[in-house]
Amino acid sequence: MTATGREGVGLIDSSAPHAARVYDYMLGGTTNFEVDRAAAEQAAVLVGGMDRIRSEVRANRAFLGRAVRWLIHEAGIRQFLDIGTGIPNDDNVHAVALREAPDARVVYVDHDPIVLAHAHLLLKDAPAGSTTYLQADFRQPEDIIERAGAHLDLTQPVAVMLVGLLHHFRDTDAPGELVARLLRRVPSGSYLVVSHLAGDIHAEGYVEAGEALDEAMEEPLVLRTHDQVAAFLAGCEPVEPGVVQVDEWHPPDARDPGLDGWTNPLWAGMGRLR
């Protein structure tokens, strides 16, 4: 299965910062506008500069790669449902998964017209049948699972990847219930992977930076505590070491030197659905 094409791409608003483009800039990408760069730089001033921000978002991407490799080699997972994909990069789920297991299958989900416009780049090197992209909204989890079922075998375990997604939903969106509704539609033995900006690590600067981005961007940005993030994994058996700072989840051999001893303000964890 190949990409869905560019049908349904909406107008791209370059007048206000956009979460996917801001994150792309923080990763060092080029799919962003001046308004996105200005919002990112404004937030970076509050937390020690853009070099630190870039190290932190790279750590989040590195966690995604470690999680995919663990799922393949330790859990035998071959199916991935990545919701909130974001703008393509060279370390997306399918790039990691297919290196480790050529029989892996990946479904990407995003509702963002900007991401849809670049979906052909995300999938350009994927072998036919391995990877597809759906334009869908996390607020409609049953629709996501139903459509993903055309590409994944939902009688077999699936890794549901919510990496850097849930902090874009306010409590009024009931993100915990949306997660639970997703998990009710996948089989026992599936896994949930979560990373989330922390509201209780370096709280003073990061809460202020988060509030600035929340006010500036089209999408919400909500920082949460360790316990609030861990609650998203309710109903799952925690995978060791539980919900920890993103660098501490099966830590890499070497930390990004840009962090220079700085503890990363993201929580990350994984659980196995009972």
C-alpha atoms as a PDB file:
ATOM      1  CA  MET A   1       0.000   0.000   0.000  1.00  0.00           C
ATOM      2  CA  THR A   2       1.325   3.429  -0.896  1.00  0.00           C
ATOM      3  CA  ALA A   3       0.478   6.886   0.318  1.00  0.00           C
ATOM      4  CA  THR A   4      -3.059   8.124  -0.063  1.00  0.00           C
ATOM      5  CA  GLY A   5      -1.932  11.017  -2.245  1.00  0.00           C
ATOM      6  CA  ARG A   6      -2.740  14.670  -1.693  1.00  0.00           C
ATOM      7  CA  GLU A   7      -6.526  14.576  -1.884  1.00  0.00           C
ATOM      8  CA  GLY A   8      -8.161  16.603   0.822  1.00  0.00           C
ATOM      9  CA  VAL A   9      -5.178  18.884   1.464  1.00  0.00           C
ATOM     10  CA  GLY A  10      -6.587  22.054   2.946  1.00  0.00           C
ATOM     11  CA  LEU A  11      -5.275  25.572   2.794  1.00  0.00           C
ATOM     12  CA  ILE A  12      -2.025  25.933   4.719  1.00  0.00           C
ATOM     13  CA  ASP A  13      -2.097  28.965   6.990  1.00  0.00           C
ATOM     14  CA  SER A  14       1.313  30.618   7.262  1.00  0.00           C
ATOM     15  CA  SER A  15       0.041  33.508   9.397  1.00  0.00           C
ATOM     16  CA  ALA A  16       0.137  31.669  12.730  1.00  0.00           C
ATOM     17  CA  PRO A  17       2.591  29.168  14.234  1.00  0.00           C
ATOM     18  CA  HIS A  18       1.674  25.557  13.683  1.00  0.00           C
ATOM     19  CA  ALA A  19       2.748  22.693  15.973  1.00  0.00           C
ATOM     20  CA  ALA A  20       4.049  20.388  13.226  1.00  0.00           C
ATOM     21  CA  ARG A  21       6.077  23.187  11.643  1.00  0.00           C
ATOM     22  CA  VAL A  22       7.401  24.468  14.990  1.00  0.00           C
ATOM     23  CA  TYR A  23       8.522  20.941  15.855  1.00  0.00           C
ATOM     24  CA  ASP A  24      10.071  20.560  12.404  1.00  0.00           C
ATOM     25  CA  TYR A  25      12.126  23.709  13.012  1.00  0.00           C
ATOM     26  CA  MET A  26      13.178  22.442  16.433  1.00  0.00           C
ATOM     27  CA  LEU A  27      14.401  19.244  14.754  1.00  0.00           C
ATOM     28  CA  GLY A  28      16.427  21.310  12.299  1.00  0.00           C
ATOM     29  CA  GLY A  29      14.025  20.823   9.389  1.00  0.00           C
ATOM     30  CA  THR A  30      13.093  23.267   6.644  1.00  0.00           C
ATOM     31  CA  THR A  31       9.324  22.737   6.351  1.00  0.00           C
ATOM     32  CA  ASN A  32       8.417  25.807   8.385  1.00  0.00           C
ATOM     33  CA  PHE A  33       7.766  29.546   8.090  1.00  0.00           C
ATOM     34  CA  GLU A  34       9.157  32.594   9.822  1.00  0.00           C
ATOM     35  CA  VAL A  35       6.178  32.700  12.172  1.00  0.00           C
ATOM     36  CA  ASP A  36       6.993  29.134  13.323  1.00  0.00           C
ATOM     37  CA  ARG A  37      10.663  29.936  13.822  1.00  0.00           C
ATOM     38  CA  ALA A  38       9.804  33.068  15.811  1.00  0.00           C
ATOM     39  CA  ALA A  39       7.499  31.132  18.160  1.00  0.00           C
ATOM     40  CA  ALA A  40      10.131  28.450  18.719  1.00  0.00           C
ATOM     41  CA  GLU A  41      12.860  30.991  19.398  1.00  0.00           C
ATOM     42  CA  GLN A  42      10.623  32.897  21.828  1.00  0.00           C
ATOM     43  CA  ALA A  43      10.024  29.718  23.818  1.00  0.00           C
ATOM     44  CA  ALA A  44      13.702  28.761  23.664  1.00  0.00           C
ATOM     45  CA  VAL A  45      14.739  31.996  25.371  1.00  0.00           C
ATOM     46  CA  LEU A  46      12.808  30.878  28.454  1.00  0.00           C
ATOM     47  CA  VAL A  47      14.524  27.489  28.748  1.00  0.00           C
ATOM     48  CA  GLY A  48      18.174  28.056  27.913  1.00  0.00           C
ATOM     49  CA  GLY A  49      18.299  28.523  24.157  1.00  0.00           C
ATOM     50  CA  MET A  50      17.512  26.750  20.899  1.00  0.00           C
ATOM     51  CA  ASP A  51      20.475  24.371  21.134  1.00  0.00           C
ATOM     52  CA  ARG A  52      18.968  22.909  24.296  1.00  0.00           C
ATOM     53  CA  ILE A  53      15.501  22.696  22.714  1.00  0.00           C
ATOM     54  CA  ARG A  54      16.954  20.910  19.692  1.00  0.00           C
ATOM     55  CA  SER A  55      18.759  18.419  21.896  1.00  0.00           C
ATOM     56  CA  GLU A  56      15.528  17.721  23.738  1.00  0.00           C
ATOM     57  CA  VAL A  57      13.419  17.095  20.648  1.00  0.00           C
ATOM     58  CA  ARG A  58      16.182  14.906  19.208  1.00  0.00           C
ATOM     59  CA  ALA A  59      16.043  12.907  22.434  1.00  0.00           C
ATOM     60  CA  ASN A  60      12.326  12.405  21.904  1.00  0.00           C
ATOM     61  CA  ARG A  61      12.958  11.103  18.379  1.00  0.00           C
ATOM     62  CA  ALA A  62      15.705   8.851  19.682  1.00  0.00           C
ATOM     63  CA  PHE A  63      13.256   7.418  22.227  1.00  0.00           C
ATOM     64  CA  LEU A  64      10.879   6.585  19.376  1.00  0.00           C
ATOM     65  CA  GLY A  65      13.655   4.647  17.642  1.00  0.00           C
ATOM     66  CA  ARG A  66      14.614   2.757  20.803  1.00  0.00           C
ATOM     67  CA  ALA A  67      10.968   1.904  21.467  1.00  0.00           C
ATOM     68  CA  VAL A  68      10.457   0.535  17.947  1.00  0.00           C
ATOM     69  CA  ARG A  69      13.607  -1.568  18.163  1.00  0.00           C
ATOM     70  CA  TRP A  70      12.605  -2.923  21.595  1.00  0.00           C
ATOM     71  CA  LEU A  71       9.138  -3.812  20.325  1.00  0.00           C
ATOM     72  CA  ILE A  72      10.562  -5.709  17.373  1.00  0.00           C
ATOM     73  CA  HIS A  73      13.344  -7.567  19.146  1.00  0.00           C
ATOM     74  CA  GLU A  74      11.931  -8.045  22.655  1.00  0.00           C
ATOM     75  CA  ALA A  75       8.190  -8.264  22.017  1.00  0.00           C
ATOM     76  CA  GLY A  76       8.073  -9.640  18.475  1.00  0.00           C
ATOM     77  CA  ILE A  77       5.814  -6.814  17.277  1.00  0.00           C
ATOM     78  CA  ARG A  78       5.526  -6.351  13.519  1.00  0.00           C
ATOM     79  CA  GLN A  79       2.620  -3.904  13.293  1.00  0.00           C
ATOM     80  CA  PHE A  80       2.751  -0.219  14.185  1.00  0.00           C
ATOM     81  CA  LEU A  81      -0.018   2.393  14.349  1.00  0.00           C
ATOM     82  CA  ASP A  82       1.673   5.800  14.649  1.00  0.00           C
ATOM     83  CA  ILE A  83      -0.834   8.555  15.458  1.00  0.00           C
ATOM     84  CA  GLY A  84       0.266  12.174  15.180  1.00  0.00           C
ATOM     85  CA  THR A  85       2.995  11.403  12.695  1.00  0.00           C
ATOM     86  CA  GLY A  86       4.176  14.937  12.039  1.00  0.00           C
ATOM     87  CA  ILE A  87       6.229  16.238   9.136  1.00  0.00           C
ATOM     88  CA  PRO A  88       8.407  13.528   7.567  1.00  0.00           C
ATOM     89  CA  ASN A  89      11.913  12.996   8.836  1.00  0.00           C
ATOM     90  CA  ASP A  90      14.519  10.339   8.135  1.00  0.00           C
ATOM     91  CA  ASP A  91      13.947   8.547  11.458  1.00  0.00           C
ATOM     92  CA  ASN A  92      10.209   7.926  11.285  1.00  0.00           C
ATOM     93  CA  VAL A  93       8.739   4.652  12.541  1.00  0.00           C
ATOM     94  CA  HIS A  94       8.809   2.825   9.218  1.00  0.00           C
ATOM     95  CA  ALA A  95      12.454   3.712   8.566  1.00  0.00           C
ATOM     96  CA  VAL A  96      13.477   2.195  11.905  1.00  0.00           C
ATOM     97  CA  ALA A  97      11.072  -0.762  11.776  1.00  0.00           C
ATOM     98  CA  LEU A  98      11.902  -1.903   8.259  1.00  0.00           C
ATOM     99  CA  ARG A  99      15.625  -1.833   8.972  1.00  0.00           C
ATOM    100  CA  GLU A 100      15.053  -4.168  11.886  1.00  0.00           C
ATOM    101  CA  ALA A 101      12.252  -6.312  10.433  1.00  0.00           C
ATOM    102  CA  PRO A 102      11.534  -6.170   6.685  1.00  0.00           C
ATOM    103  CA  ASP A 103       8.132  -7.787   7.281  1.00  0.00           C
ATOM    104  CA  ALA A 104       6.947  -4.920   9.514  1.00  0.00           C
ATOM    105  CA  ARG A 105       3.832  -2.953   8.558  1.00  0.00           C
ATOM    106  CA  VAL A 106       3.205   0.664   9.546  1.00  0.00           C
ATOM    107  CA  VAL A 107       0.095   2.839   9.404  1.00  0.00           C
ATOM    108  CA  TYR A 108       0.663   6.553   9.924  1.00  0.00           C
ATOM    109  CA  VAL A 109      -2.226   8.772  11.064  1.00  0.00           C
ATOM    110  CA  ASP A 110      -2.439  12.560  11.117  1.00  0.00           C
ATOM    111  CA  HIS A 111      -5.281  15.006  10.538  1.00  0.00           C
ATOM    112  CA  ASP A 112      -3.003  17.889   9.562  1.00  0.00           C
ATOM    113  CA  PRO A 113      -3.152  19.066   5.908  1.00  0.00           C
ATOM    114  CA  ILE A 114       0.507  20.086   6.149  1.00  0.00           C
ATOM    115  CA  VAL A 115       1.496  16.537   7.037  1.00  0.00           C
ATOM    116  CA  LEU A 116      -0.764  15.148   4.322  1.00  0.00           C
ATOM    117  CA  ALA A 117       0.914  17.409   1.784  1.00  0.00           C
ATOM    118  CA  HIS A 118       4.248  15.803   2.672  1.00  0.00           C
ATOM    119  CA  ALA A 119       3.029  12.220   3.052  1.00  0.00           C
ATOM    120  CA  HIS A 120       4.575  11.271  -0.292  1.00  0.00           C
ATOM    121  CA  LEU A 121       7.987  12.118   1.172  1.00  0.00           C
ATOM    122  CA  LEU A 122       7.289  10.056   4.275  1.00  0.00           C
ATOM    123  CA  LEU A 123       6.585   6.972   2.187  1.00  0.00           C
ATOM    124  CA  LYS A 124       8.816   7.428  -0.854  1.00  0.00           C
ATOM    125  CA  ASP A 125      11.389   4.789   0.111  1.00  0.00           C
ATOM    126  CA  ALA A 126       9.034   2.310   1.774  1.00  0.00           C
ATOM    127  CA  PRO A 127       8.605  -1.062   0.030  1.00  0.00           C
ATOM    128  CA  ALA A 128       5.182  -1.535  -1.523  1.00  0.00           C
ATOM    129  CA  GLY A 129       2.696  -2.953   0.965  1.00  0.00           C
ATOM    130  CA  SER A 130       4.670  -2.013   4.072  1.00  0.00           C
ATOM    131  CA  THR A 131       3.448   1.470   4.914  1.00  0.00           C
ATOM    132  CA  THR A 132       0.424   3.679   4.415  1.00  0.00           C
ATOM    133  CA  TYR A 133      -0.903   7.040   5.598  1.00  0.00           C
ATOM    134  CA  LEU A 134      -4.403   7.918   6.809  1.00  0.00           C
ATOM    135  CA  GLN A 135      -5.789  11.393   7.288  1.00  0.00           C
ATOM    136  CA  ALA A 136      -7.845  11.033  10.462  1.00  0.00           C
ATOM    137  CA  ASP A 137      -8.439  12.740  13.801  1.00  0.00           C
ATOM    138  CA  PHE A 138      -7.337  11.270  17.140  1.00  0.00           C
ATOM    139  CA  ARG A 139     -10.669  12.456  18.524  1.00  0.00           C
ATOM    140  CA  GLN A 140     -12.307   9.703  16.445  1.00  0.00           C
ATOM    141  CA  PRO A 141     -10.413   6.598  17.596  1.00  0.00           C
ATOM    142  CA  GLU A 142     -12.968   4.084  16.306  1.00  0.00           C
ATOM    143  CA  ASP A 143     -12.652   5.537  12.812  1.00  0.00           C
ATOM    144  CA  ILE A 144      -8.862   5.269  13.026  1.00  0.00           C
ATOM    145  CA  ILE A 145      -8.951   1.617  14.043  1.00  0.00           C
ATOM    146  CA  GLU A 146     -11.571   0.699  11.450  1.00  0.00           C
ATOM    147  CA  ARG A 147      -9.542   2.258   8.643  1.00  0.00           C
ATOM    148  CA  ALA A 148      -6.236   0.929   9.927  1.00  0.00           C
ATOM    149  CA  GLY A 149      -7.774  -2.537   9.840  1.00  0.00           C
ATOM    150  CA  ALA A 150      -7.591  -2.452   6.055  1.00  0.00           C
ATOM    151  CA  HIS A 151      -3.783  -2.492   6.350  1.00  0.00           C
ATOM    152  CA  LEU A 152      -3.081  -4.228   9.675  1.00  0.00           C
ATOM    153  CA  ASP A 153      -4.182  -7.615  11.003  1.00  0.00           C
ATOM    154  CA  LEU A 154      -6.138  -6.592  14.066  1.00  0.00           C
ATOM    155  CA  THR A 155      -6.300 -10.164  15.323  1.00  0.00           C
ATOM    156  CA  GLN A 156      -2.573  -9.789  16.083  1.00  0.00           C
ATOM    157  CA  PRO A 157      -0.853  -7.358  18.495  1.00  0.00           C
ATOM    158  CA  VAL A 158      -0.210  -3.800  17.365  1.00  0.00           C
ATOM    159  CA  ALA A 159       2.084  -1.118  18.777  1.00  0.00           C
ATOM    160  CA  VAL A 160       0.089   2.097  19.191  1.00  0.00           C
ATOM    161  CA  MET A 161       2.567   5.000  19.082  1.00  0.00           C
ATOM    162  CA  LEU A 162       1.477   8.281  20.708  1.00  0.00           C
ATOM    163  CA  VAL A 163       4.885   9.965  20.758  1.00  0.00           C
ATOM    164  CA  GLY A 164       4.607  13.692  21.378  1.00  0.00           C
ATOM    165  CA  LEU A 165       0.868  13.701  20.645  1.00  0.00           C
ATOM    166  CA  LEU A 166      -1.120  13.856  23.869  1.00  0.00           C
ATOM    167  CA  HIS A 167       0.257  17.211  25.041  1.00  0.00           C
ATOM    168  CA  HIS A 168      -1.677  18.756  22.130  1.00  0.00           C
ATOM    169  CA  PHE A 169      -5.009  17.885  23.778  1.00  0.00           C
ATOM    170  CA  ARG A 170      -6.593  19.739  26.652  1.00  0.00           C
ATOM    171  CA  ASP A 171      -8.259  17.939  29.541  1.00  0.00           C
ATOM    172  CA  THR A 172     -11.603  19.013  28.074  1.00  0.00           C
ATOM    173  CA  ASP A 173     -10.806  16.754  25.081  1.00  0.00           C
ATOM    174  CA  ALA A 174     -10.641  13.792  27.526  1.00  0.00           C
ATOM    175  CA  PRO A 175      -7.400  12.416  26.034  1.00  0.00           C
ATOM    176  CA  GLY A 176      -7.304   9.570  28.554  1.00  0.00           C
ATOM    177  CA  GLU A 177     -10.692   8.348  27.359  1.00  0.00           C
ATOM    178  CA  LEU A 178      -9.572   8.641  23.728  1.00  0.00           C
ATOM    179  CA  VAL A 179      -6.583   6.444  24.532  1.00  0.00           C
ATOM    180  CA  ALA A 180      -8.830   3.922  26.296  1.00  0.00           C
ATOM    181  CA  ARG A 181     -11.185   3.832  23.312  1.00  0.00           C
ATOM    182  CA  LEU A 182      -8.254   3.100  21.004  1.00  0.00           C
ATOM    183  CA  LEU A 183      -7.002   0.289  23.206  1.00  0.00           C
ATOM    184  CA  ARG A 184     -10.428  -1.309  23.414  1.00  0.00           C
ATOM    185  CA  ARG A 185     -10.210  -1.915  19.663  1.00  0.00           C
ATOM    186  CA  VAL A 186      -6.809  -3.630  19.521  1.00  0.00           C
ATOM    187  CA  PRO A 187      -6.055  -7.161  20.749  1.00  0.00           C
ATOM    188  CA  SER A 188      -4.552  -8.234  24.053  1.00  0.00           C
ATOM    189  CA  GLY A 189      -0.772  -8.250  23.817  1.00  0.00           C
ATOM    190  CA  SER A 190      -0.699  -4.935  21.962  1.00  0.00           C
ATOM    191  CA  TYR A 191       1.541  -2.153  23.252  1.00  0.00           C
ATOM    192  CA  LEU A 192       1.056   1.550  23.939  1.00  0.00           C
ATOM    193  CA  VAL A 193       4.019   3.940  23.617  1.00  0.00           C
ATOM    194  CA  VAL A 194       3.736   7.476  25.008  1.00  0.00           C
ATOM    195  CA  SER A 195       5.961  10.511  25.355  1.00  0.00           C
ATOM    196  CA  HIS A 196       4.715  13.820  26.745  1.00  0.00           C
ATOM    197  CA  LEU A 197       6.097  17.208  27.740  1.00  0.00           C
ATOM    198  CA  ALA A 198       6.522  17.437  31.501  1.00  0.00           C
ATOM    199  CA  GLY A 199       5.006  20.074  33.738  1.00  0.00           C
ATOM    200  CA  ASP A 200       7.048  19.013  36.755  1.00  0.00           C
ATOM    201  CA  ILE A 201      10.630  18.972  35.400  1.00  0.00           C
ATOM    202  CA  HIS A 202      12.373  22.373  35.273  1.00  0.00           C
ATOM    203  CA  ALA A 203       8.835  23.565  35.857  1.00  0.00           C
ATOM    204  CA  GLU A 204       9.398  27.299  36.148  1.00  0.00           C
ATOM    205  CA  GLY A 205      10.893  27.910  32.705  1.00  0.00           C
ATOM    206  CA  TYR A 206       9.082  25.157  30.854  1.00  0.00           C
ATOM    207  CA  VAL A 207       5.621  25.967  32.120  1.00  0.00           C
ATOM    208  CA  GLU A 208       6.131  29.555  30.969  1.00  0.00           C
ATOM    209  CA  ALA A 209       7.484  28.417  27.595  1.00  0.00           C
ATOM    210  CA  GLY A 210       4.602  25.972  27.203  1.00  0.00           C
ATOM    211  CA  GLU A 211       2.077  28.688  27.968  1.00  0.00           C
ATOM    212  CA  ALA A 212       3.709  30.975  25.389  1.00  0.00           C
ATOM    213  CA  LEU A 213       3.471  28.291  22.684  1.00  0.00           C
ATOM    214  CA  ASP A 214      -0.048  27.368  23.746  1.00  0.00           C
ATOM    215  CA  GLU A 215      -1.109  30.971  23.273  1.00  0.00           C
ATOM    216  CA  ALA A 216       0.734  31.424  19.975  1.00  0.00           C
ATOM    217  CA  MET A 217       0.035  28.181  18.117  1.00  0.00           C
ATOM    218  CA  GLU A 218      -3.135  26.991  16.431  1.00  0.00           C
ATOM    219  CA  GLU A 219      -2.973  23.784  18.484  1.00  0.00           C
ATOM    220  CA  PRO A 220      -3.072  23.539  22.289  1.00  0.00           C
ATOM    221  CA  LEU A 221       0.037  22.687  24.284  1.00  0.00           C
ATOM    222  CA  VAL A 222      -0.566  21.205  27.737  1.00  0.00           C
ATOM    223  CA  LEU A 223       2.261  20.125  30.052  1.00  0.00           C
ATOM    224  CA  ARG A 224       1.451  17.310  32.485  1.00  0.00           C
ATOM    225  CA  THR A 225       3.013  15.728  35.550  1.00  0.00           C
ATOM    226  CA  HIS A 226       4.528  12.272  35.848  1.00  0.00           C
ATOM    227  CA  ASP A 227       1.364  10.869  37.434  1.00  0.00           C
ATOM    228  CA  GLN A 228      -0.859  12.409  34.773  1.00  0.00           C
ATOM    229  CA  VAL A 229       1.246  10.906  31.995  1.00  0.00           C
ATOM    230  CA  ALA A 230       1.391   7.519  33.717  1.00  0.00           C
ATOM    231  CA  ALA A 231      -2.426   7.546  33.867  1.00  0.00           C
ATOM    232  CA  PHE A 232      -2.551   7.285  30.070  1.00  0.00           C
ATOM    233  CA  LEU A 233      -1.066   3.790  30.461  1.00  0.00           C
ATOM    234  CA  ALA A 234      -3.807   2.619  32.833  1.00  0.00           C
ATOM    235  CA  GLY A 235      -4.917  -0.886  31.937  1.00  0.00           C
ATOM    236  CA  CYS A 236      -1.484  -1.792  30.578  1.00  0.00           C
ATOM    237  CA  GLU A 237       1.300  -3.761  32.231  1.00  0.00           C
ATOM    238  CA  PRO A 238       4.227  -1.324  32.481  1.00  0.00           C
ATOM    239  CA  VAL A 239       7.361  -2.179  30.553  1.00  0.00           C
ATOM    240  CA  GLU A 240      10.429  -1.559  32.676  1.00  0.00           C
ATOM    241  CA  PRO A 241      11.584   0.983  33.721  1.00  0.00           C
ATOM    242  CA  GLY A 242       8.067   2.439  33.699  1.00  0.00           C
ATOM    243  CA  VAL A 243       7.356   6.105  33.000  1.00  0.00           C
ATOM    244  CA  VAL A 244      10.667   7.928  33.224  1.00  0.00           C
ATOM    245  CA  GLN A 245      12.429  10.896  31.693  1.00  0.00           C
ATOM    246  CA  VAL A 246      12.789  10.221  28.001  1.00  0.00           C
ATOM    247  CA  ASP A 247      16.576   9.714  28.113  1.00  0.00           C
ATOM    248  CA  GLU A 248      16.195   7.137  30.875  1.00  0.00           C
ATOM    249  CA  TRP A 249      13.930   4.747  28.976  1.00  0.00           C
ATOM    250  CA  HIS A 250      16.407   2.017  27.977  1.00  0.00           C
ATOM    251  CA  PRO A 251      18.980   4.799  27.778  1.00  0.00           C
ATOM    252  CA  PRO A 252      21.266   5.225  24.795  1.00  0.00           C
ATOM    253  CA  ASP A 253      24.966   4.493  25.083  1.00  0.00           C
ATOM    254  CA  ALA A 254      25.724   8.197  24.890  1.00  0.00           C
ATOM    255  CA  ARG A 255      23.586  11.242  25.596  1.00  0.00           C
ATOM    256  CA  ASP A 256      23.321  14.137  23.183  1.00  0.00           C
ATOM    257  CA  PRO A 257      26.216  16.453  24.157  1.00  0.00           C
ATOM    258  CA  GLY A 258      23.906  19.404  23.623  1.00  0.00           C
ATOM    259  CA  LEU A 259      22.098  18.516  26.845  1.00  0.00           C
ATOM    260  CA  ASP A 260      25.320  18.862  28.857  1.00  0.00           C
ATOM    261  CA  GLY A 261      23.942  17.137  31.941  1.00  0.00           C
ATOM    262  CA  TRP A 262      20.522  18.755  31.592  1.00  0.00           C
ATOM    263  CA  THR A 263      17.635  16.436  32.434  1.00  0.00           C
ATOM    264  CA  ASN A 264      15.162  16.177  29.599  1.00  0.00           C
ATOM    265  CA  PRO A 265      11.683  17.624  30.324  1.00  0.00           C
ATOM    266  CA  LEU A 266       9.676  14.834  28.724  1.00  0.00           C
ATOM    267  CA  TRP A 267       8.086  11.778  30.298  1.00  0.00           C
ATOM    268  CA  ALA A 268       8.117   8.544  28.312  1.00  0.00           C
ATOM    269  CA  GLY A 269       6.838   5.042  28.861  1.00  0.00           C
ATOM    270  CA  MET A 270       5.409   1.886  27.359  1.00  0.00           C
ATOM    271  CA  GLY A 271       2.821  -0.636  28.465  1.00  0.00           C
ATOM    272  CA  ARG A 272       1.500  -4.001  27.295  1.00  0.00           C
ATOM    273  CA  LEU A 273      -2.253  -4.327  26.973  1.00  0.00           C
ATOM    274  CA  ARG A 274      -3.534  -7.107  29.208  1.00  0.00           C
END
